[in-house]
C-alpha cells in the first residue's frame, strides 16, 4: 500500500456512477 495518495474530483456534475480511470477526474 506504500504510495503517494492523491485525492481527485470528477469532471462531470451529478455523475450517476464514479469513474475508475484518470480521465474521469
PDBML (XML) file of the C-alpha atoms, coordinates in Angstrom:
<?xml version="1.0" encoding="UTF-8" ?>
<PDBx:datablock datablockName="MODEL"
   xmlns:PDBx="http://pdbml.pdb.org/schema/pdbx-v50.xsd"
   xmlns:xsi="http://www.w3.org/2001/XMLSchema-instance"
   xsi:schemaLocation="http://pdbml.pdb.org/schema/pdbx-v50.xsd pdbx-v50.xsd">
   <PDBx:atom_siteCategory>
      <PDBx:atom_site id="1">
         <PDBx:B_iso_or_equiv>0.00</PDBx:B_iso_or_equiv>
         <PDBx:Cartn_x>0.000</PDBx:Cartn_x>
         <PDBx:Cartn_y>0.000</PDBx:Cartn_y>
         <PDBx:Cartn_z>0.000</PDBx:Cartn_z>
         <PDBx:auth_asym_id>A</PDBx:auth_asym_id>
         <PDBx:auth_atom_id>CA</PDBx:auth_atom_id>
         <PDBx:auth_comp_id>UNK</PDBx:auth_comp_id>
         <PDBx:auth_seq_id>1</PDBx:auth_seq_id>
         <PDBx:group_PDB>ATOM</PDBx:group_PDB>
         <PDBx:label_alt_id xsi:nil="true" />
         <PDBx:label_asym_id>A</PDBx:label_asym_id>
         <PDBx:label_atom_id>CA</PDBx:label_atom_id>
         <PDBx:label_comp_id>UNK</PDBx:label_comp_id>
         <PDBx:label_entity_id>1</PDBx:label_entity_id>
         <PDBx:label_seq_id>1</PDBx:label_seq_id>
         <PDBx:occupancy>1.00</PDBx:occupancy>
         <PDBx:pdbx_PDB_model_num>1</PDBx:pdbx_PDB_model_num>
         <PDBx:type_symbol>C</PDBx:type_symbol>
      </PDBx:atom_site>
      <PDBx:atom_site id="2">
         <PDBx:B_iso_or_equiv>0.00</PDBx:B_iso_or_equiv>
         <PDBx:Cartn_x>3.034</PDBx:Cartn_x>
         <PDBx:Cartn_y>2.265</PDBx:Cartn_y>
         <PDBx:Cartn_z>0.191</PDBx:Cartn_z>
         <PDBx:auth_asym_id>A</PDBx:auth_asym_id>
         <PDBx:auth_atom_id>CA</PDBx:auth_atom_id>
         <PDBx:auth_comp_id>UNK</PDBx:auth_comp_id>
         <PDBx:auth_seq_id>2</PDBx:auth_seq_id>
         <PDBx:group_PDB>ATOM</PDBx:group_PDB>
         <PDBx:label_alt_id xsi:nil="true" />
         <PDBx:label_asym_id>A</PDBx:label_asym_id>
         <PDBx:label_atom_id>CA</PDBx:label_atom_id>
         <PDBx:label_comp_id>UNK</PDBx:label_comp_id>
         <PDBx:label_entity_id>1</PDBx:label_entity_id>
         <PDBx:label_seq_id>2</PDBx:label_seq_id>
         <PDBx:occupancy>1.00</PDBx:occupancy>
         <PDBx:pdbx_PDB_model_num>1</PDBx:pdbx_PDB_model_num>
         <PDBx:type_symbol>C</PDBx:type_symbol>
      </PDBx:atom_site>
      <PDBx:atom_site id="3">
         <PDBx:B_iso_or_equiv>0.00</PDBx:B_iso_or_equiv>
         <PDBx:Cartn_x>2.479</PDBx:Cartn_x>
         <PDBx:Cartn_y>5.110</PDBx:Cartn_y>
         <PDBx:Cartn_z>-2.252</PDBx:Cartn_z>
         <PDBx:auth_asym_id>A</PDBx:auth_asym_id>
         <PDBx:auth_atom_id>CA</PDBx:auth_atom_id>
         <PDBx:auth_comp_id>UNK</PDBx:auth_comp_id>
         <PDBx:auth_seq_id>3</PDBx:auth_seq_id>
         <PDBx:group_PDB>ATOM</PDBx:group_PDB>
         <PDBx:label_alt_id xsi:nil="true" />
         <PDBx:label_asym_id>A</PDBx:label_asym_id>
         <PDBx:label_atom_id>CA</PDBx:label_atom_id>
         <PDBx:label_comp_id>UNK</PDBx:label_comp_id>
         <PDBx:label_entity_id>1</PDBx:label_entity_id>
         <PDBx:label_seq_id>3</PDBx:label_seq_id>
         <PDBx:occupancy>1.00</PDBx:occupancy>
         <PDBx:pdbx_PDB_model_num>1</PDBx:pdbx_PDB_model_num>
         <PDBx:type_symbol>C</PDBx:type_symbol>
      </PDBx:atom_site>
      <PDBx:atom_site id="4">
         <PDBx:B_iso_or_equiv>0.00</PDBx:B_iso_or_equiv>
         <PDBx:Cartn_x>1.640</PDBx:Cartn_x>
         <PDBx:Cartn_y>8.741</PDBx:Cartn_y>
         <PDBx:Cartn_z>-2.733</PDBx:Cartn_z>
         <PDBx:auth_asym_id>A</PDBx:auth_asym_id>
         <PDBx:auth_atom_id>CA</PDBx:auth_atom_id>
         <PDBx:auth_comp_id>UNK</PDBx:auth_comp_id>
         <PDBx:auth_seq_id>4</PDBx:auth_seq_id>
         <PDBx:group_PDB>ATOM</PDBx:group_PDB>
         <PDBx:label_alt_id xsi:nil="true" />
         <PDBx:label_asym_id>A</PDBx:label_asym_id>
         <PDBx:label_atom_id>CA</PDBx:label_atom_id>
         <PDBx:label_comp_id>UNK</PDBx:label_comp_id>
         <PDBx:label_entity_id>1</PDBx:label_entity_id>
         <PDBx:label_seq_id>4</PDBx:label_seq_id>
         <PDBx:occupancy>1.00</PDBx:occupancy>
         <PDBx:pdbx_PDB_model_num>1</PDBx:pdbx_PDB_model_num>
         <PDBx:type_symbol>C</PDBx:type_symbol>
      </PDBx:atom_site>
      <PDBx:atom_site id="5">
         <PDBx:B_iso_or_equiv>0.00</PDBx:B_iso_or_equiv>
         <PDBx:Cartn_x>-2.108</PDBx:Cartn_x>
         <PDBx:Cartn_y>9.035</PDBx:Cartn_y>
         <PDBx:Cartn_z>-2.294</PDBx:Cartn_z>
         <PDBx:auth_asym_id>A</PDBx:auth_asym_id>
         <PDBx:auth_atom_id>CA</PDBx:auth_atom_id>
         <PDBx:auth_comp_id>UNK</PDBx:auth_comp_id>
         <PDBx:auth_seq_id>5</PDBx:auth_seq_id>
         <PDBx:group_PDB>ATOM</PDBx:group_PDB>
         <PDBx:label_alt_id xsi:nil="true" />
         <PDBx:label_asym_id>A</PDBx:label_asym_id>
         <PDBx:label_atom_id>CA</PDBx:label_atom_id>
         <PDBx:label_comp_id>UNK</PDBx:label_comp_id>
         <PDBx:label_entity_id>1</PDBx:label_entity_id>
         <PDBx:label_seq_id>5</PDBx:label_seq_id>
         <PDBx:occupancy>1.00</PDBx:occupancy>
         <PDBx:pdbx_PDB_model_num>1</PDBx:pdbx_PDB_model_num>
         <PDBx:type_symbol>C</PDBx:type_symbol>
      </PDBx:atom_site>
      <PDBx:atom_site id="6">
         <PDBx:B_iso_or_equiv>0.00</PDBx:B_iso_or_equiv>
         <PDBx:Cartn_x>-3.975</PDBx:Cartn_x>
         <PDBx:Cartn_y>11.601</PDBx:Cartn_y>
         <PDBx:Cartn_z>-4.356</PDBx:Cartn_z>
         <PDBx:auth_asym_id>A</PDBx:auth_asym_id>
         <PDBx:auth_atom_id>CA</PDBx:auth_atom_id>
         <PDBx:auth_comp_id>UNK</PDBx:auth_comp_id>
         <PDBx:auth_seq_id>6</PDBx:auth_seq_id>
         <PDBx:group_PDB>ATOM</PDBx:group_PDB>
         <PDBx:label_alt_id xsi:nil="true" />
         <PDBx:label_asym_id>A</PDBx:label_asym_id>
         <PDBx:label_atom_id>CA</PDBx:label_atom_id>
         <PDBx:label_comp_id>UNK</PDBx:label_comp_id>
         <PDBx:label_entity_id>1</PDBx:label_entity_id>
         <PDBx:label_seq_id>6</PDBx:label_seq_id>
         <PDBx:occupancy>1.00</PDBx:occupancy>
         <PDBx:pdbx_PDB_model_num>1</PDBx:pdbx_PDB_model_num>
         <PDBx:type_symbol>C</PDBx:type_symbol>
      </PDBx:atom_site>
      <PDBx:atom_site id="7">
         <PDBx:B_iso_or_equiv>0.00</PDBx:B_iso_or_equiv>
         <PDBx:Cartn_x>-7.422</PDBx:Cartn_x>
         <PDBx:Cartn_y>12.986</PDBx:Cartn_y>
         <PDBx:Cartn_z>-3.895</PDBx:Cartn_z>
         <PDBx:auth_asym_id>A</PDBx:auth_asym_id>
         <PDBx:auth_atom_id>CA</PDBx:auth_atom_id>
         <PDBx:auth_comp_id>UNK</PDBx:auth_comp_id>
         <PDBx:auth_seq_id>7</PDBx:auth_seq_id>
         <PDBx:group_PDB>ATOM</PDBx:group_PDB>
         <PDBx:label_alt_id xsi:nil="true" />
         <PDBx:label_asym_id>A</PDBx:label_asym_id>
         <PDBx:label_atom_id>CA</PDBx:label_atom_id>
         <PDBx:label_comp_id>UNK</PDBx:label_comp_id>
         <PDBx:label_entity_id>1</PDBx:label_entity_id>
         <PDBx:label_seq_id>7</PDBx:label_seq_id>
         <PDBx:occupancy>1.00</PDBx:occupancy>
         <PDBx:pdbx_PDB_model_num>1</PDBx:pdbx_PDB_model_num>
         <PDBx:type_symbol>C</PDBx:type_symbol>
      </PDBx:atom_site>
      <PDBx:atom_site id="8">
         <PDBx:B_iso_or_equiv>0.00</PDBx:B_iso_or_equiv>
         <PDBx:Cartn_x>-9.315</PDBx:Cartn_x>
         <PDBx:Cartn_y>13.778</PDBx:Cartn_y>
         <PDBx:Cartn_z>-7.095</PDBx:Cartn_z>
         <PDBx:auth_asym_id>A</PDBx:auth_asym_id>
         <PDBx:auth_atom_id>CA</PDBx:auth_atom_id>
         <PDBx:auth_comp_id>UNK</PDBx:auth_comp_id>
         <PDBx:auth_seq_id>8</PDBx:auth_seq_id>
         <PDBx:group_PDB>ATOM</PDBx:group_PDB>
         <PDBx:label_alt_id xsi:nil="true" />
         <PDBx:label_asym_id>A</PDBx:label_asym_id>
         <PDBx:label_atom_id>CA</PDBx:label_atom_id>
         <PDBx:label_comp_id>UNK</PDBx:label_comp_id>
         <PDBx:label_entity_id>1</PDBx:label_entity_id>
         <PDBx:label_seq_id>8</PDBx:label_seq_id>
         <PDBx:occupancy>1.00</PDBx:occupancy>
         <PDBx:pdbx_PDB_model_num>1</PDBx:pdbx_PDB_model_num>
         <PDBx:type_symbol>C</PDBx:type_symbol>
      </PDBx:atom_site>
      <PDBx:atom_site id="9">
         <PDBx:B_iso_or_equiv>0.00</PDBx:B_iso_or_equiv>
         <PDBx:Cartn_x>-12.586</PDBx:Cartn_x>
         <PDBx:Cartn_y>15.419</PDBx:Cartn_y>
         <PDBx:Cartn_z>-8.097</PDBx:Cartn_z>
         <PDBx:auth_asym_id>A</PDBx:auth_asym_id>
         <PDBx:auth_atom_id>CA</PDBx:auth_atom_id>
         <PDBx:auth_comp_id>UNK</PDBx:auth_comp_id>
         <PDBx:auth_seq_id>9</PDBx:auth_seq_id>
         <PDBx:group_PDB>ATOM</PDBx:group_PDB>
         <PDBx:label_alt_id xsi:nil="true" />
         <PDBx:label_asym_id>A</PDBx:label_asym_id>
         <PDBx:label_atom_id>CA</PDBx:label_atom_id>
         <PDBx:label_comp_id>UNK</PDBx:label_comp_id>
         <PDBx:label_entity_id>1</PDBx:label_entity_id>
         <PDBx:label_seq_id>9</PDBx:label_seq_id>
         <PDBx:occupancy>1.00</PDBx:occupancy>
         <PDBx:pdbx_PDB_model_num>1</PDBx:pdbx_PDB_model_num>
         <PDBx:type_symbol>C</PDBx:type_symbol>
      </PDBx:atom_site>
      <PDBx:atom_site id="10">
         <PDBx:B_iso_or_equiv>0.00</PDBx:B_iso_or_equiv>
         <PDBx:Cartn_x>-14.636</PDBx:Cartn_x>
         <PDBx:Cartn_y>14.158</PDBx:Cartn_y>
         <PDBx:Cartn_z>-11.019</PDBx:Cartn_z>
         <PDBx:auth_asym_id>A</PDBx:auth_asym_id>
         <PDBx:auth_atom_id>CA</PDBx:auth_atom_id>
         <PDBx:auth_comp_id>UNK</PDBx:auth_comp_id>
         <PDBx:auth_seq_id>10</PDBx:auth_seq_id>
         <PDBx:group_PDB>ATOM</PDBx:group_PDB>
         <PDBx:label_alt_id xsi:nil="true" />
         <PDBx:label_asym_id>A</PDBx:label_asym_id>
         <PDBx:label_atom_id>CA</PDBx:label_atom_id>
         <PDBx:label_comp_id>UNK</PDBx:label_comp_id>
         <PDBx:label_entity_id>1</PDBx:label_entity_id>
         <PDBx:label_seq_id>10</PDBx:label_seq_id>
         <PDBx:occupancy>1.00</PDBx:occupancy>
         <PDBx:pdbx_PDB_model_num>1</PDBx:pdbx_PDB_model_num>
         <PDBx:type_symbol>C</PDBx:type_symbol>
      </PDBx:atom_site>
      <PDBx:atom_site id="11">
         <PDBx:B_iso_or_equiv>0.00</PDBx:B_iso_or_equiv>
         <PDBx:Cartn_x>-15.228</PDBx:Cartn_x>
         <PDBx:Cartn_y>16.186</PDBx:Cartn_y>
         <PDBx:Cartn_z>-14.145</PDBx:Cartn_z>
         <PDBx:auth_asym_id>A</PDBx:auth_asym_id>
         <PDBx:auth_atom_id>CA</PDBx:auth_atom_id>
         <PDBx:auth_comp_id>UNK</PDBx:auth_comp_id>
         <PDBx:auth_seq_id>11</PDBx:auth_seq_id>
         <PDBx:group_PDB>ATOM</PDBx:group_PDB>
         <PDBx:label_alt_id xsi:nil="true" />
         <PDBx:label_asym_id>A</PDBx:label_asym_id>
         <PDBx:label_atom_id>CA</PDBx:label_atom_id>
         <PDBx:label_comp_id>UNK</PDBx:label_comp_id>
         <PDBx:label_entity_id>1</PDBx:label_entity_id>
         <PDBx:label_seq_id>11</PDBx:label_seq_id>
         <PDBx:occupancy>1.00</PDBx:occupancy>
         <PDBx:pdbx_PDB_model_num>1</PDBx:pdbx_PDB_model_num>
         <PDBx:type_symbol>C</PDBx:type_symbol>
      </PDBx:atom_site>
      <PDBx:atom_site id="12">
         <PDBx:B_iso_or_equiv>0.00</PDBx:B_iso_or_equiv>
         <PDBx:Cartn_x>-18.961</PDBx:Cartn_x>
         <PDBx:Cartn_y>15.622</PDBx:Cartn_y>
         <PDBx:Cartn_z>-14.575</PDBx:Cartn_z>
         <PDBx:auth_asym_id>A</PDBx:auth_asym_id>
         <PDBx:auth_atom_id>CA</PDBx:auth_atom_id>
         <PDBx:auth_comp_id>UNK</PDBx:auth_comp_id>
         <PDBx:auth_seq_id>12</PDBx:auth_seq_id>
         <PDBx:group_PDB>ATOM</PDBx:group_PDB>
         <PDBx:label_alt_id xsi:nil="true" />
         <PDBx:label_asym_id>A</PDBx:label_asym_id>
         <PDBx:label_atom_id>CA</PDBx:label_atom_id>
         <PDBx:label_comp_id>UNK</PDBx:label_comp_id>
         <PDBx:label_entity_id>1</PDBx:label_entity_id>
         <PDBx:label_seq_id>12</PDBx:label_seq_id>
         <PDBx:occupancy>1.00</PDBx:occupancy>
         <PDBx:pdbx_PDB_model_num>1</PDBx:pdbx_PDB_model_num>
         <PDBx:type_symbol>C</PDBx:type_symbol>
      </PDBx:atom_site>
      <PDBx:atom_site id="13">
         <PDBx:B_iso_or_equiv>0.00</PDBx:B_iso_or_equiv>
         <PDBx:Cartn_x>-21.530</PDBx:Cartn_x>
         <PDBx:Cartn_y>17.142</PDBx:Cartn_y>
         <PDBx:Cartn_z>-12.261</PDBx:Cartn_z>
         <PDBx:auth_asym_id>A</PDBx:auth_asym_id>
         <PDBx:auth_atom_id>CA</PDBx:auth_atom_id>
         <PDBx:auth_comp_id>UNK</PDBx:auth_comp_id>
         <PDBx:auth_seq_id>13</PDBx:auth_seq_id>
         <PDBx:group_PDB>ATOM</PDBx:group_PDB>
         <PDBx:label_alt_id xsi:nil="true" />
         <PDBx:label_asym_id>A</PDBx:label_asym_id>
         <PDBx:label_atom_id>CA</PDBx:label_atom_id>
         <PDBx:label_comp_id>UNK</PDBx:label_comp_id>
         <PDBx:label_entity_id>1</PDBx:label_entity_id>
         <PDBx:label_seq_id>13</PDBx:label_seq_id>
         <PDBx:occupancy>1.00</PDBx:occupancy>
         <PDBx:pdbx_PDB_model_num>1</PDBx:pdbx_PDB_model_num>
         <PDBx:type_symbol>C</PDBx:type_symbol>
      </PDBx:atom_site>
      <PDBx:atom_site id="14">
         <PDBx:B_iso_or_equiv>0.00</PDBx:B_iso_or_equiv>
         <PDBx:Cartn_x>-24.074</PDBx:Cartn_x>
         <PDBx:Cartn_y>14.716</PDBx:Cartn_y>
         <PDBx:Cartn_z>-10.819</PDBx:Cartn_z>
         <PDBx:auth_asym_id>A</PDBx:auth_asym_id>
         <PDBx:auth_atom_id>CA</PDBx:auth_atom_id>
         <PDBx:auth_comp_id>UNK</PDBx:auth_comp_id>
         <PDBx:auth_seq_id>14</PDBx:auth_seq_id>
         <PDBx:group_PDB>ATOM</PDBx:group_PDB>
         <PDBx:label_alt_id xsi:nil="true" />
         <PDBx:label_asym_id>A</PDBx:label_asym_id>
         <PDBx:label_atom_id>CA</PDBx:label_atom_id>
         <PDBx:label_comp_id>UNK</PDBx:label_comp_id>
         <PDBx:label_entity_id>1</PDBx:label_entity_id>
         <PDBx:label_seq_id>14</PDBx:label_seq_id>
         <PDBx:occupancy>1.00</PDBx:occupancy>
         <PDBx:pdbx_PDB_model_num>1</PDBx:pdbx_PDB_model_num>
         <PDBx:type_symbol>C</PDBx:type_symbol>
      </PDBx:atom_site>
      <PDBx:atom_site id="15">
         <PDBx:B_iso_or_equiv>0.00</PDBx:B_iso_or_equiv>
         <PDBx:Cartn_x>-22.445</PDBx:Cartn_x>
         <PDBx:Cartn_y>11.734</PDBx:Cartn_y>
         <PDBx:Cartn_z>-12.482</PDBx:Cartn_z>
         <PDBx:auth_asym_id>A</PDBx:auth_asym_id>
         <PDBx:auth_atom_id>CA</PDBx:auth_atom_id>
         <PDBx:auth_comp_id>UNK</PDBx:auth_comp_id>
         <PDBx:auth_seq_id>15</PDBx:auth_seq_id>
         <PDBx:group_PDB>ATOM</PDBx:group_PDB>
         <PDBx:label_alt_id xsi:nil="true" />
         <PDBx:label_asym_id>A</PDBx:label_asym_id>
         <PDBx:label_atom_id>CA</PDBx:label_atom_id>
         <PDBx:label_comp_id>UNK</PDBx:label_comp_id>
         <PDBx:label_entity_id>1</PDBx:label_entity_id>
         <PDBx:label_seq_id>15</PDBx:label_seq_id>
         <PDBx:occupancy>1.00</PDBx:occupancy>
         <PDBx:pdbx_PDB_model_num>1</PDBx:pdbx_PDB_model_num>
         <PDBx:type_symbol>C</PDBx:type_symbol>
      </PDBx:atom_site>
      <PDBx:atom_site id="16">
         <PDBx:B_iso_or_equiv>0.00</PDBx:B_iso_or_equiv>
         <PDBx:Cartn_x>-24.509</PDBx:Cartn_x>
         <PDBx:Cartn_y>8.612</PDBx:Cartn_y>
         <PDBx:Cartn_z>-11.942</PDBx:Cartn_z>
         <PDBx:auth_asym_id>A</PDBx:auth_asym_id>
         <PDBx:auth_atom_id>CA</PDBx:auth_atom_id>
         <PDBx:auth_comp_id>UNK</PDBx:auth_comp_id>
         <PDBx:auth_seq_id>16</PDBx:auth_seq_id>
         <PDBx:group_PDB>ATOM</PDBx:group_PDB>
         <PDBx:label_alt_id xsi:nil="true" />
         <PDBx:label_asym_id>A</PDBx:label_asym_id>
         <PDBx:label_atom_id>CA</PDBx:label_atom_id>
         <PDBx:label_comp_id>UNK</PDBx:label_comp_id>
         <PDBx:label_entity_id>1</PDBx:label_entity_id>
         <PDBx:label_seq_id>16</PDBx:label_seq_id>
         <PDBx:occupancy>1.00</PDBx:occupancy>
         <PDBx:pdbx_PDB_model_num>1</PDBx:pdbx_PDB_model_num>
         <PDBx:type_symbol>C</PDBx:type_symbol>
      </PDBx:atom_site>
      <PDBx:atom_site id="17">
         <PDBx:B_iso_or_equiv>0.00</PDBx:B_iso_or_equiv>
         <PDBx:Cartn_x>-21.545</PDBx:Cartn_x>
         <PDBx:Cartn_y>6.344</PDBx:Cartn_y>
         <PDBx:Cartn_z>-11.372</PDBx:Cartn_z>
         <PDBx:auth_asym_id>A</PDBx:auth_asym_id>
         <PDBx:auth_atom_id>CA</PDBx:auth_atom_id>
         <PDBx:auth_comp_id>UNK</PDBx:auth_comp_id>
         <PDBx:auth_seq_id>17</PDBx:auth_seq_id>
         <PDBx:group_PDB>ATOM</PDBx:group_PDB>
         <PDBx:label_alt_id xsi:nil="true" />
         <PDBx:label_asym_id>A</PDBx:label_asym_id>
         <PDBx:label_atom_id>CA</PDBx:label_atom_id>
         <PDBx:label_comp_id>UNK</PDBx:label_comp_id>
         <PDBx:label_entity_id>1</PDBx:label_entity_id>
         <PDBx:label_seq_id>17</PDBx:label_seq_id>
         <PDBx:occupancy>1.00</PDBx:occupancy>
         <PDBx:pdbx_PDB_model_num>1</PDBx:pdbx_PDB_model_num>
         <PDBx:type_symbol>C</PDBx:type_symbol>
      </PDBx:atom_site>
      <PDBx:atom_site id="18">
         <PDBx:B_iso_or_equiv>0.00</PDBx:B_iso_or_equiv>
         <PDBx:Cartn_x>-17.960</PDBx:Cartn_x>
         <PDBx:Cartn_y>7.006</PDBx:Cartn_y>
         <PDBx:Cartn_z>-10.201</PDBx:Cartn_z>
         <PDBx:auth_asym_id>A</PDBx:auth_asym_id>
         <PDBx:auth_atom_id>CA</PDBx:auth_atom_id>
         <PDBx:auth_comp_id>UNK</PDBx:auth_comp_id>
         <PDBx:auth_seq_id>18</PDBx:auth_seq_id>
         <PDBx:group_PDB>ATOM</PDBx:group_PDB>
         <PDBx:label_alt_id xsi:nil="true" />
         <PDBx:label_asym_id>A</PDBx:label_asym_id>
         <PDBx:label_atom_id>CA</PDBx:label_atom_id>
         <PDBx:label_comp_id>UNK</PDBx:label_comp_id>
         <PDBx:label_entity_id>1</PDBx:label_entity_id>
         <PDBx:label_seq_id>18</PDBx:label_seq_id>
         <PDBx:occupancy>1.00</PDBx:occupancy>
         <PDBx:pdbx_PDB_model_num>1</PDBx:pdbx_PDB_model_num>
         <PDBx:type_symbol>C</PDBx:type_symbol>
      </PDBx:atom_site>
      <PDBx:atom_site id="19">
         <PDBx:B_iso_or_equiv>0.00</PDBx:B_iso_or_equiv>
         <PDBx:Cartn_x>-15.139</PDBx:Cartn_x>
         <PDBx:Cartn_y>6.627</PDBx:Cartn_y>
         <PDBx:Cartn_z>-12.698</PDBx:Cartn_z>
         <PDBx:auth_asym_id>A</PDBx:auth_asym_id>
         <PDBx:auth_atom_id>CA</PDBx:auth_atom_id>
         <PDBx:auth_comp_id>UNK</PDBx:auth_comp_id>
         <PDBx:auth_seq_id>19</PDBx:auth_seq_id>
         <PDBx:group_PDB>ATOM</PDBx:group_PDB>
         <PDBx:label_alt_id xsi:nil="true" />
         <PDBx:label_asym_id>A</PDBx:label_asym_id>
         <PDBx:label_atom_id>CA</PDBx:label_atom_id>
         <PDBx:label_comp_id>UNK</PDBx:label_comp_id>
         <PDBx:label_entity_id>1</PDBx:label_entity_id>
         <PDBx:label_seq_id>19</PDBx:label_seq_id>
         <PDBx:occupancy>1.00</PDBx:occupancy>
         <PDBx:pdbx_PDB_model_num>1</PDBx:pdbx_PDB_model_num>
         <PDBx:type_symbol>C</PDBx:type_symbol>
      </PDBx:atom_site>
      <PDBx:atom_site id="20">
         <PDBx:B_iso_or_equiv>0.00</PDBx:B_iso_or_equiv>
         <PDBx:Cartn_x>-12.204</PDBx:Cartn_x>
         <PDBx:Cartn_y>4.261</PDBx:Cartn_y>
         <PDBx:Cartn_z>-12.211</PDBx:Cartn_z>
         <PDBx:auth_asym_id>A</PDBx:auth_asym_id>
         <PDBx:auth_atom_id>CA</PDBx:auth_atom_id>
         <PDBx:auth_comp_id>UNK</PDBx:auth_comp_id>
         <PDBx:auth_seq_id>20</PDBx:auth_seq_id>
         <PDBx:group_PDB>ATOM</PDBx:group_PDB>
         <PDBx:label_alt_id xsi:nil="true" />
         <PDBx:label_asym_id>A</PDBx:label_asym_id>
         <PDBx:label_atom_id>CA</PDBx:label_atom_id>
         <PDBx:label_comp_id>UNK</PDBx:label_comp_id>
         <PDBx:label_entity_id>1</PDBx:label_entity_id>
         <PDBx:label_seq_id>20</PDBx:label_seq_id>
         <PDBx:occupancy>1.00</PDBx:occupancy>
         <PDBx:pdbx_PDB_model_num>1</PDBx:pdbx_PDB_model_num>
         <PDBx:type_symbol>C</PDBx:type_symbol>
      </PDBx:atom_site>
      <PDBx:atom_site id="21">
         <PDBx:B_iso_or_equiv>0.00</PDBx:B_iso_or_equiv>
         <PDBx:Cartn_x>-9.950</PDBx:Cartn_x>
         <PDBx:Cartn_y>5.931</PDBx:Cartn_y>
         <PDBx:Cartn_z>-14.750</PDBx:Cartn_z>
         <PDBx:auth_asym_id>A</PDBx:auth_asym_id>
         <PDBx:auth_atom_id>CA</PDBx:auth_atom_id>
         <PDBx:auth_comp_id>UNK</PDBx:auth_comp_id>
         <PDBx:auth_seq_id>21</PDBx:auth_seq_id>
         <PDBx:group_PDB>ATOM</PDBx:group_PDB>
         <PDBx:label_alt_id xsi:nil="true" />
         <PDBx:label_asym_id>A</PDBx:label_asym_id>
         <PDBx:label_atom_id>CA</PDBx:label_atom_id>
         <PDBx:label_comp_id>UNK</PDBx:label_comp_id>
         <PDBx:label_entity_id>1</PDBx:label_entity_id>
         <PDBx:label_seq_id>21</PDBx:label_seq_id>
         <PDBx:occupancy>1.00</PDBx:occupancy>
         <PDBx:pdbx_PDB_model_num>1</PDBx:pdbx_PDB_model_num>
         <PDBx:type_symbol>C</PDBx:type_symbol>
      </PDBx:atom_site>
      <PDBx:atom_site id="22">
         <PDBx:B_iso_or_equiv>0.00</PDBx:B_iso_or_equiv>
         <PDBx:Cartn_x>-7.758</PDBx:Cartn_x>
         <PDBx:Cartn_y>9.011</PDBx:Cartn_y>
         <PDBx:Cartn_z>-14.588</PDBx:Cartn_z>
         <PDBx:auth_asym_id>A</PDBx:auth_asym_id>
         <PDBx:auth_atom_id>CA</PDBx:auth_atom_id>
         <PDBx:auth_comp_id>UNK</PDBx:auth_comp_id>
         <PDBx:auth_seq_id>22</PDBx:auth_seq_id>
         <PDBx:group_PDB>ATOM</PDBx:group_PDB>
         <PDBx:label_alt_id xsi:nil="true" />
         <PDBx:label_asym_id>A</PDBx:label_asym_id>
         <PDBx:label_atom_id>CA</PDBx:label_atom_id>
         <PDBx:label_comp_id>UNK</PDBx:label_comp_id>
         <PDBx:label_entity_id>1</PDBx:label_entity_id>
         <PDBx:label_seq_id>22</PDBx:label_seq_id>
         <PDBx:occupancy>1.00</PDBx:occupancy>
         <PDBx:pdbx_PDB_model_num>1</PDBx:pdbx_PDB_model_num>
         <PDBx:type_symbol>C</PDBx:type_symbol>
      </PDBx:atom_site>
      <PDBx:atom_site id="23">
         <PDBx:B_iso_or_equiv>0.00</PDBx:B_iso_or_equiv>
         <PDBx:Cartn_x>-9.647</PDBx:Cartn_x>
         <PDBx:Cartn_y>10.793</PDBx:Cartn_y>
         <PDBx:Cartn_z>-17.349</PDBx:Cartn_z>
         <PDBx:auth_asym_id>A</PDBx:auth_asym_id>
         <PDBx:auth_atom_id>CA</PDBx:auth_atom_id>
         <PDBx:auth_comp_id>UNK</PDBx:auth_comp_id>
         <PDBx:auth_seq_id>23</PDBx:auth_seq_id>
         <PDBx:group_PDB>ATOM</PDBx:group_PDB>
         <PDBx:label_alt_id xsi:nil="true" />
         <PDBx:label_asym_id>A</PDBx:label_asym_id>
         <PDBx:label_atom_id>CA</PDBx:label_atom_id>
         <PDBx:label_comp_id>UNK</PDBx:label_comp_id>
         <PDBx:label_entity_id>1</PDBx:label_entity_id>
         <PDBx:label_seq_id>23</PDBx:label_seq_id>
         <PDBx:occupancy>1.00</PDBx:occupancy>
         <PDBx:pdbx_PDB_model_num>1</PDBx:pdbx_PDB_model_num>
         <PDBx:type_symbol>C</PDBx:type_symbol>
      </PDBx:atom_site>
      <PDBx:atom_site id="24">
         <PDBx:B_iso_or_equiv>0.00</PDBx:B_iso_or_equiv>
         <PDBx:Cartn_x>-12.788</PDBx:Cartn_x>
         <PDBx:Cartn_y>10.785</PDBx:Cartn_y>
         <PDBx:Cartn_z>-15.240</PDBx:Cartn_z>
         <PDBx:auth_asym_id>A</PDBx:auth_asym_id>
         <PDBx:auth_atom_id>CA</PDBx:auth_atom_id>
         <PDBx:auth_comp_id>UNK</PDBx:auth_comp_id>
         <PDBx:auth_seq_id>24</PDBx:auth_seq_id>
         <PDBx:group_PDB>ATOM</PDBx:group_PDB>
         <PDBx:label_alt_id xsi:nil="true" />
         <PDBx:label_asym_id>A</PDBx:label_asym_id>
         <PDBx:label_atom_id>CA</PDBx:label_atom_id>
         <PDBx:label_comp_id>UNK</PDBx:label_comp_id>
         <PDBx:label_entity_id>1</PDBx:label_entity_id>
         <PDBx:label_seq_id>24</PDBx:label_seq_id>
         <PDBx:occupancy>1.00</PDBx:occupancy>
         <PDBx:pdbx_PDB_model_num>1</PDBx:pdbx_PDB_model_num>
         <PDBx:type_symbol>C</PDBx:type_symbol>
      </PDBx:atom_site>
      <PDBx:atom_site id="25">
         <PDBx:B_iso_or_equiv>0.00</PDBx:B_iso_or_equiv>
         <PDBx:Cartn_x>-11.241</PDBx:Cartn_x>
         <PDBx:Cartn_y>13.382</PDBx:Cartn_y>
         <PDBx:Cartn_z>-12.949</PDBx:Cartn_z>
         <PDBx:auth_asym_id>A</PDBx:auth_asym_id>
         <PDBx:auth_atom_id>CA</PDBx:auth_atom_id>
         <PDBx:auth_comp_id>UNK</PDBx:auth_comp_id>
         <PDBx:auth_seq_id>25</PDBx:auth_seq_id>
         <PDBx:group_PDB>ATOM</PDBx:group_PDB>
         <PDBx:label_alt_id xsi:nil="true" />
         <PDBx:label_asym_id>A</PDBx:label_asym_id>
         <PDBx:label_atom_id>CA</PDBx:label_atom_id>
         <PDBx:label_comp_id>UNK</PDBx:label_comp_id>
         <PDBx:label_entity_id>1</PDBx:label_entity_id>
         <PDBx:label_seq_id>25</PDBx:label_seq_id>
         <PDBx:occupancy>1.00</PDBx:occupancy>
         <PDBx:pdbx_PDB_model_num>1</PDBx:pdbx_PDB_model_num>
         <PDBx:type_symbol>C</PDBx:type_symbol>
      </PDBx:atom_site>
   </PDBx:atom_siteCategory>
</PDBx:datablock>
